[in-house]
PDB file of N, CA and C in Angstrom:
ATOM      1  N   MET A   1     105.678 102.367  89.244  1.00  0.00           N
ATOM      2  CA  MET A   1     105.297 102.242  90.623  1.00  0.00           C
ATOM      3  C   MET A   1     104.798 103.588  91.158  1.00  0.00           C
ATOM      4  N   LEU A   2     105.466 104.683  90.792  1.00  0.00           N
ATOM      5  CA  LEU A   2     105.026 105.990  91.270  1.00  0.00           C
ATOM      6  C   LEU A   2     103.626 106.322  90.792  1.00  0.00           C
ATOM      7  N   LEU A   3     103.286 105.896  89.589  1.00  0.00           N
ATOM      8  CA  LEU A   3     101.939 106.145  89.080  1.00  0.00           C
ATOM      9  C   LEU A   3     100.902 105.457  89.953  1.00  0.00           C
ATOM     10  N   ASP A   4     101.203 104.257  90.409  1.00  0.00           N
ATOM     11  CA  ASP A   4     100.285 103.523  91.274  1.00  0.00           C
ATOM     12  C   ASP A   4     100.191 104.157  92.658  1.00  0.00           C
ATOM     13  N   TRP A   5     101.288 104.711  93.124  1.00  0.00           N
ATOM     14  CA  TRP A   5     101.320 105.299  94.466  1.00  0.00           C
ATOM     15  C   TRP A   5     100.673 106.664  94.538  1.00  0.00           C
ATOM     16  N   TRP A   6     100.722 107.419  93.426  1.00  0.00           N
ATOM     17  CA  TRP A   6     100.306 108.821  93.475  1.00  0.00           C
ATOM     18  C   TRP A   6      98.891 108.935  94.025  1.00  0.00           C
ATOM     19  N   GLY A   7      98.757 109.644  95.117  1.00  0.00           N
ATOM     20  CA  GLY A   7      97.457 109.865  95.721  1.00  0.00           C
ATOM     21  C   GLY A   7      96.939 108.714  96.551  1.00  0.00           C
ATOM     22  N   CYS A   8      97.665 107.610  96.598  1.00  0.00           N
ATOM     23  CA  CYS A   8      97.202 106.444  97.350  1.00  0.00           C
ATOM     24  C   CYS A   8      98.122 106.095  98.511  1.00  0.00           C
ATOM     25  N   PHE A   9      99.408 106.362  98.349  1.00  0.00           N
ATOM     26  CA  PHE A   9     100.371 105.958  99.365  1.00  0.00           C
ATOM     27  C   PHE A   9     100.241 106.821 100.606  1.00  0.00           C
ATOM     28  N   ALA A  10     100.183 106.189 101.732  1.00  0.00           N
ATOM     29  CA  ALA A  10     100.256 106.859 103.031  1.00  0.00           C
ATOM     30  C   ALA A  10     101.102 105.960 103.927  1.00  0.00           C
ATOM     31  N   PRO A  11     102.067 106.534 104.619  1.00  0.00           N
ATOM     32  CA  PRO A  11     102.928 105.719 105.469  1.00  0.00           C
ATOM     33  C   PRO A  11     102.163 105.128 106.645  1.00  0.00           C
ATOM     34  N   GLU A  12     102.672 104.029 107.139  1.00  0.00           N
ATOM     35  CA  GLU A  12     102.100 103.401 108.328  1.00  0.00           C
ATOM     36  C   GLU A  12     102.222 104.361 109.511  1.00  0.00           C
ATOM     37  N   PRO A  13     101.295 104.294 110.454  1.00  0.00           N
ATOM     38  CA  PRO A  13     101.406 105.141 111.648  1.00  0.00           C
ATOM     39  C   PRO A  13     102.773 104.957 112.317  1.00  0.00           C
ATOM     40  N   GLY A  14     103.368 106.063 112.678  1.00  0.00           N
ATOM     41  CA  GLY A  14     104.683 106.028 113.299  1.00  0.00           C
ATOM     42  C   GLY A  14     105.835 106.107 112.316  1.00  0.00           C
ATOM     43  N   TYR A  15     105.536 106.048 111.018  1.00  0.00           N
ATOM     44  CA  TYR A  15     106.584 106.093 109.992  1.00  0.00           C
ATOM     45  C   TYR A  15     106.370 107.246 109.008  1.00  0.00           C
ATOM     46  N   ALA A  16     105.655 108.277 109.422  1.00  0.00           N
ATOM     47  CA  ALA A  16     105.318 109.388 108.534  1.00  0.00           C
ATOM     48  C   ALA A  16     106.446 110.401 108.389  1.00  0.00           C
ATOM     49  N   SER A  17     107.480 110.284 109.215  1.00  0.00           N
ATOM     50  CA  SER A  17     108.597 111.219 109.100  1.00  0.00           C
ATOM     51  C   SER A  17     109.905 110.495 109.364  1.00  0.00           C
ATOM     52  N   TYR A  18     110.987 111.164 108.990  1.00  0.00           N
ATOM     53  CA  TYR A  18     112.325 110.634 109.218  1.00  0.00           C
ATOM     54  C   TYR A  18     113.261 111.814 109.410  1.00  0.00           C
ATOM     55  N   ARG A  19     114.481 111.555 109.769  1.00  0.00           N
ATOM     56  CA  ARG A  19     115.474 112.619 109.923  1.00  0.00           C
ATOM     57  C   ARG A  19     116.281 112.703 108.634  1.00  0.00           C
ATOM     58  N   ASP A  20     116.333 113.906 108.059  1.00  0.00           N
ATOM     59  CA  ASP A  20     117.045 114.094 106.803  1.00  0.00           C
ATOM     60  C   ASP A  20     118.549 114.193 107.033  1.00  0.00           C
ATOM     61  N   GLU A  21     119.282 114.507 105.955  1.00  0.00           N
ATOM     62  CA  GLU A  21     120.746 114.556 106.043  1.00  0.00           C
ATOM     63  C   GLU A  21     121.240 115.641 106.993  1.00  0.00           C
ATOM     64  N   ASP A  22     120.383 116.634 107.311  1.00  0.00           N
ATOM     65  CA  ASP A  22     120.729 117.677 108.281  1.00  0.00           C
ATOM     66  C   ASP A  22     120.188 117.354 109.669  1.00  0.00           C
ATOM     67  N   ASP A  23     119.738 116.112 109.846  1.00  0.00           N
ATOM     68  CA  ASP A  23     119.181 115.618 111.105  1.00  0.00           C
ATOM     69  C   ASP A  23     117.909 116.368 111.515  1.00  0.00           C
ATOM     70  N   GLN A  24     117.170 116.861 110.517  1.00  0.00           N
ATOM     71  CA  GLN A  24     115.908 117.549 110.764  1.00  0.00           C
ATOM     72  C   GLN A  24     114.746 116.599 110.491  1.00  0.00           C
ATOM     73  N   PRO A  25     113.686 116.668 111.310  1.00  0.00           N
ATOM     74  CA  PRO A  25     112.515 115.831 111.024  1.00  0.00           C
ATOM     75  C   PRO A  25     111.884 116.251 109.695  1.00  0.00           C
ATOM     76  N   THR A  26     111.569 115.274 108.871  1.00  0.00           N
ATOM     77  CA  THR A  26     111.049 115.529 107.531  1.00  0.00           C
ATOM     78  C   THR A  26     109.858 114.621 107.273  1.00  0.00           C
ATOM     79  N   ASP A  27     108.784 115.203 106.749  1.00  0.00           N
ATOM     80  CA  ASP A  27     107.610 114.422 106.388  1.00  0.00           C
ATOM     81  C   ASP A  27     107.949 113.534 105.192  1.00  0.00           C
ATOM     82  N   LEU A  28     107.667 112.252 105.299  1.00  0.00           N
ATOM     83  CA  LEU A  28     108.034 111.282 104.271  1.00  0.00           C
ATOM     84  C   LEU A  28     107.376 111.581 102.924  1.00  0.00           C
ATOM     85  N   VAL A  29     106.071 111.803 102.906  1.00  0.00           N
ATOM     86  CA  VAL A  29     105.363 112.031 101.647  1.00  0.00           C
ATOM     87  C   VAL A  29     105.838 113.328 100.989  1.00  0.00           C
ATOM     88  N   GLU A  30     106.037 114.384 101.787  1.00  0.00           N
ATOM     89  CA  GLU A  30     106.545 115.640 101.224  1.00  0.00           C
ATOM     90  C   GLU A  30     107.927 115.436 100.607  1.00  0.00           C
ATOM     91  N   ALA A  31     108.774 114.662 101.271  1.00  0.00           N
ATOM     92  CA  ALA A  31     110.124 114.408 100.756  1.00  0.00           C
ATOM     93  C   ALA A  31     110.076 113.622  99.446  1.00  0.00           C
ATOM     94  N   ILE A  32     109.201 112.629  99.364  1.00  0.00           N
ATOM     95  CA  ILE A  32     109.058 111.861  98.122  1.00  0.00           C
ATOM     96  C   ILE A  32     108.599 112.783  96.995  1.00  0.00           C
ATOM     97  N   GLU A  33     107.587 113.613  97.278  1.00  0.00           N
ATOM     98  CA  GLU A  33     107.083 114.514  96.239  1.00  0.00           C
ATOM     99  C   GLU A  33     108.160 115.499  95.801  1.00  0.00           C
ATOM    100  N   ARG A  34     108.930 116.049  96.731  1.00  0.00           N
ATOM    101  CA  ARG A  34     110.016 116.977  96.360  1.00  0.00           C
ATOM    102  C   ARG A  34     111.010 116.308  95.424  1.00  0.00           C
ATOM    103  N   ARG A  35     111.352 115.059  95.712  1.00  0.00           N
ATOM    104  CA  ARG A  35     112.321 114.351  94.856  1.00  0.00           C
ATOM    105  C   ARG A  35     111.750 114.079  93.466  1.00  0.00           C
ATOM    106  N   ILE A  36     110.476 113.747  93.400  1.00  0.00           N
ATOM    107  CA  ILE A  36     109.846 113.533  92.093  1.00  0.00           C
ATOM    108  C   ILE A  36     109.827 114.839  91.312  1.00  0.00           C
ATOM    109  N   ARG A  37     109.445 115.925  91.971  1.00  0.00           N
ATOM    110  CA  ARG A  37     109.416 117.228  91.298  1.00  0.00           C
ATOM    111  C   ARG A  37     110.814 117.650  90.860  1.00  0.00           C
ATOM    112  N   ALA A  38     111.830 117.318  91.654  1.00  0.00           N
ATOM    113  CA  ALA A  38     113.211 117.643  91.289  1.00  0.00           C
ATOM    114  C   ALA A  38     113.657 116.870  90.046  1.00  0.00           C
ATOM    115  N   ALA A  39     113.014 115.739  89.784  1.00  0.00           N
ATOM    116  CA  ALA A  39     113.359 114.911  88.620  1.00  0.00           C
ATOM    117  C   ALA A  39     112.534 115.273  87.386  1.00  0.00           C
ATOM    118  N   ALA A  40     111.739 116.337  87.465  1.00  0.00           N
ATOM    119  CA  ALA A  40     110.826 116.685  86.370  1.00  0.00           C
ATOM    120  C   ALA A  40     111.553 116.918  85.050  1.00  0.00           C
ATOM    121  N   ASP A  41     112.730 117.535  85.080  1.00  0.00           N
ATOM    122  CA  ASP A  41     113.461 117.756  83.822  1.00  0.00           C
ATOM    123  C   ASP A  41     113.811 116.429  83.150  1.00  0.00           C
ATOM    124  N   GLY A  42     114.253 115.467  83.927  1.00  0.00           N
ATOM    125  CA  GLY A  42     114.552 114.146  83.382  1.00  0.00           C
ATOM    126  C   GLY A  42     113.304 113.464  82.854  1.00  0.00           C
ATOM    127  N   LEU A  43     112.196 113.616  83.573  1.00  0.00           N
ATOM    128  CA  LEU A  43     110.928 113.049  83.110  1.00  0.00           C
ATOM    129  C   LEU A  43     110.492 113.696  81.800  1.00  0.00           C
ATOM    130  N   ARG A  44     110.702 115.015  81.673  1.00  0.00           N
ATOM    131  CA  ARG A  44     110.352 115.703  80.424  1.00  0.00           C
ATOM    132  C   ARG A  44     111.196 115.189  79.258  1.00  0.00           C
ATOM    133  N   THR A  45     112.463 114.928  79.515  1.00  0.00           N
ATOM    134  CA  THR A  45     113.339 114.385  78.470  1.00  0.00           C
ATOM    135  C   THR A  45     112.809 113.042  77.990  1.00  0.00           C
ATOM    136  N   ILE A  46     112.411 112.196  78.916  1.00  0.00           N
ATOM    137  CA  ILE A  46     111.858 110.884  78.562  1.00  0.00           C
ATOM    138  C   ILE A  46     110.538 111.060  77.811  1.00  0.00           C
ATOM    139  N   ALA A  47     109.666 111.934  78.319  1.00  0.00           N
ATOM    140  CA  ALA A  47     108.357 112.150  77.692  1.00  0.00           C
ATOM    141  C   ALA A  47     108.479 112.725  76.285  1.00  0.00           C
ATOM    142  N   ASP A  48     109.514 113.515  76.042  1.00  0.00           N
ATOM    143  CA  ASP A  48     109.698 114.145  74.730  1.00  0.00           C
ATOM    144  C   ASP A  48     110.430 113.260  73.724  1.00  0.00           C
ATOM    145  N   ASP A  49     110.928 112.117  74.154  1.00  0.00           N
ATOM    146  CA  ASP A  49     111.691 111.224  73.275  1.00  0.00           C
ATOM    147  C   ASP A  49     110.735 110.405  72.412  1.00  0.00           C
ATOM    148  N   ARG A  50     110.452 110.886  71.227  1.00  0.00           N
ATOM    149  CA  ARG A  50     109.506 110.214  70.327  1.00  0.00           C
ATOM    150  C   ARG A  50     110.071 108.926  69.731  1.00  0.00           C
ATOM    151  N   SER A  51     111.366 108.684  69.908  1.00  0.00           N
ATOM    152  CA  SER A  51     111.949 107.441  69.392  1.00  0.00           C
ATOM    153  C   SER A  51     111.681 106.266  70.330  1.00  0.00           C
ATOM    154  N   ASP A  52     111.204 106.557  71.547  1.00  0.00           N
ATOM    155  CA  ASP A  52     110.934 105.503  72.527  1.00  0.00           C
ATOM    156  C   ASP A  52     109.535 104.952  72.297  1.00  0.00           C
ATOM    157  N   SER A  53     109.465 103.731  71.815  1.00  0.00           N
ATOM    158  CA  SER A  53     108.157 103.122  71.582  1.00  0.00           C
ATOM    159  C   SER A  53     107.713 102.273  72.772  1.00  0.00           C
ATOM    160  N   GLY A  54     108.535 102.219  73.809  1.00  0.00           N
ATOM    161  CA  GLY A  54     108.201 101.454  75.005  1.00  0.00           C
ATOM    162  C   GLY A  54     107.311 102.245  75.951  1.00  0.00           C
ATOM    163  N   PRO A  55     107.037 101.689  77.111  1.00  0.00           N
ATOM    164  CA  PRO A  55     106.113 102.322  78.055  1.00  0.00           C
ATOM    165  C   PRO A  55     106.701 103.513  78.814  1.00  0.00           C
ATOM    166  N   ALA A  56     108.006 103.703  78.795  1.00  0.00           N
ATOM    167  CA  ALA A  56     108.631 104.753  79.610  1.00  0.00           C
ATOM    168  C   ALA A  56     108.108 106.140  79.256  1.00  0.00           C
ATOM    169  N   ARG A  57     107.988 106.431  77.969  1.00  0.00           N
ATOM    170  CA  ARG A  57     107.520 107.754  77.550  1.00  0.00           C
ATOM    171  C   ARG A  57     106.112 108.028  78.063  1.00  0.00           C
ATOM    172  N   LYS A  58     105.221 107.068  77.893  1.00  0.00           N
ATOM    173  CA  LYS A  58     103.834 107.242  78.337  1.00  0.00           C
ATOM    174  C   LYS A  58     103.767 107.397  79.853  1.00  0.00           C
ATOM    175  N   MET A  59     104.541 106.613  80.588  1.00  0.00           N
ATOM    176  CA  MET A  59     104.536 106.723  82.045  1.00  0.00           C
ATOM    177  C   MET A  59     105.073 108.076  82.498  1.00  0.00           C
ATOM    178  N   ALA A  60     106.129 108.555  81.842  1.00  0.00           N
ATOM    179  CA  ALA A  60     106.676 109.873  82.182  1.00  0.00           C
ATOM    180  C   ALA A  60     105.638 110.958  81.910  1.00  0.00           C
ATOM    181  N   GLU A  61     104.927 110.855  80.795  1.00  0.00           N
ATOM    182  CA  GLU A  61     103.880 111.828  80.473  1.00  0.00           C
ATOM    183  C   GLU A  61     102.783 111.817  81.535  1.00  0.00           C
ATOM    184  N   GLU A  62     102.362 110.634  81.959  1.00  0.00           N
ATOM    185  CA  GLU A  62     101.317 110.522  82.982  1.00  0.00           C
ATOM    186  C   GLU A  62     101.772 111.126  84.305  1.00  0.00           C
ATOM    187  N   LEU A  63     102.992 110.827  84.705  1.00  0.00           N
ATOM    188  CA  LEU A  63     103.505 111.350  85.967  1.00  0.00           C
ATOM    189  C   LEU A  63     103.625 112.874  85.908  1.00  0.00           C
ATOM    190  N   LEU A  64     104.093 113.406  84.784  1.00  0.00           N
ATOM    191  CA  LEU A  64     104.171 114.861  84.631  1.00  0.00           C
ATOM    192  C   LEU A  64     102.780 115.493  84.689  1.00  0.00           C
ATOM    193  N   SER A  65     101.787 114.834  84.124  1.00  0.00           N
ATOM    194  CA  SER A  65     100.410 115.338  84.199  1.00  0.00           C
ATOM    195  C   SER A  65      99.926 115.378  85.637  1.00  0.00           C
ATOM    196  N   MET A  66     100.244 114.343  86.387  1.00  0.00           N
ATOM    197  CA  MET A  66      99.852 114.309  87.796  1.00  0.00           C
ATOM    198  C   MET A  66     100.559 115.406  88.587  1.00  0.00           C
ATOM    199  N   LEU A  67     101.832 115.615  88.297  1.00  0.00           N
ATOM    200  CA  LEU A  67     102.574 116.679  88.972  1.00  0.00           C
ATOM    201  C   LEU A  67     101.956 118.041  88.668  1.00  0.00           C
ATOM    202  N   ALA A  68     101.546 118.238  87.428  1.00  0.00           N
ATOM    203  CA  ALA A  68     100.966 119.521  87.030  1.00  0.00           C
ATOM    204  C   ALA A  68      99.578 119.726  87.633  1.00  0.00           C
ATOM    205  N   ALA A  69      98.840 118.644  87.810  1.00  0.00           N
ATOM    206  CA  ALA A  69      97.456 118.740  88.259  1.00  0.00           C
ATOM    207  C   ALA A  69      97.322 119.008  89.749  1.00  0.00           C
ATOM    208  N   SER A  70      98.204 118.427  90.538  1.00  0.00           N
ATOM    209  CA  SER A  70      98.033 118.570  91.980  1.00  0.00           C
ATOM    210  C   SER A  70      99.271 118.107  92.720  1.00  0.00           C
ATOM    211  N   SER A  71      99.183 118.287  93.994  1.00  0.00           N
ATOM    212  CA  SER A  71     100.196 117.776  94.902  1.00  0.00           C
ATOM    213  C   SER A  71      99.774 116.386  95.343  1.00  0.00           C
ATOM    214  N   TRP A  72     100.725 115.536  95.611  1.00  0.00           N
ATOM    215  CA  TRP A  72     100.443 114.221  96.167  1.00  0.00           C
ATOM    216  C   TRP A  72      99.668 114.404  97.467  1.00  0.00           C
ATOM    217  N   LEU A  73     100.066 115.403  98.248  1.00  0.00           N
ATOM    218  CA  LEU A  73      99.399 115.665  99.516  1.00  0.00           C
ATOM    219  C   LEU A  73      97.948 116.057  99.299  1.00  0.00           C
ATOM    220  N   ASP A  74      97.653 116.806  98.226  1.00  0.00           N
ATOM    221  CA  ASP A  74      96.271 117.152  97.911  1.00  0.00           C
ATOM    222  C   ASP A  74      95.460 115.894  97.635  1.00  0.00           C
ATOM    223  N   SER A  75      96.076 114.943  96.949  1.00  0.00           N
ATOM    224  CA  SER A  75      95.395 113.701  96.595  1.00  0.00           C
ATOM    225  C   SER A  75      95.062 112.872  97.828  1.00  0.00           C
ATOM    226  N   LEU A  76      95.903 112.967  98.856  1.00  0.00           N
ATOM    227  CA  LEU A  76      95.680 112.193 100.074  1.00  0.00           C
ATOM    228  C   LEU A  76      94.563 112.775 100.924  1.00  0.00           C
ATOM    229  N   GLY A  77      94.412 114.097 100.867  1.00  0.00           N
ATOM    230  CA  GLY A  77      93.459 114.777 101.754  1.00  0.00           C
ATOM    231  C   GLY A  77      92.092 114.680 101.241  1.00  0.00           C
TER     232      GLY A  77
END
């Protein structure tokens, strides 16, 4: 799903931000990208697992390539 969203997802007007756990206004897309980037080590583990013949390894590789190439925000602009 993240592969489909990358560079395409934009929140509906009025839903572009939310209050985080510290009750601070937070941009939704920036928060999603931060969480994906925080999961990069796990994605690398999946991408490096040559015993996985399913789609997970390929999807992890694609997502890591997208992370390396640009920001989600760059893709939207």
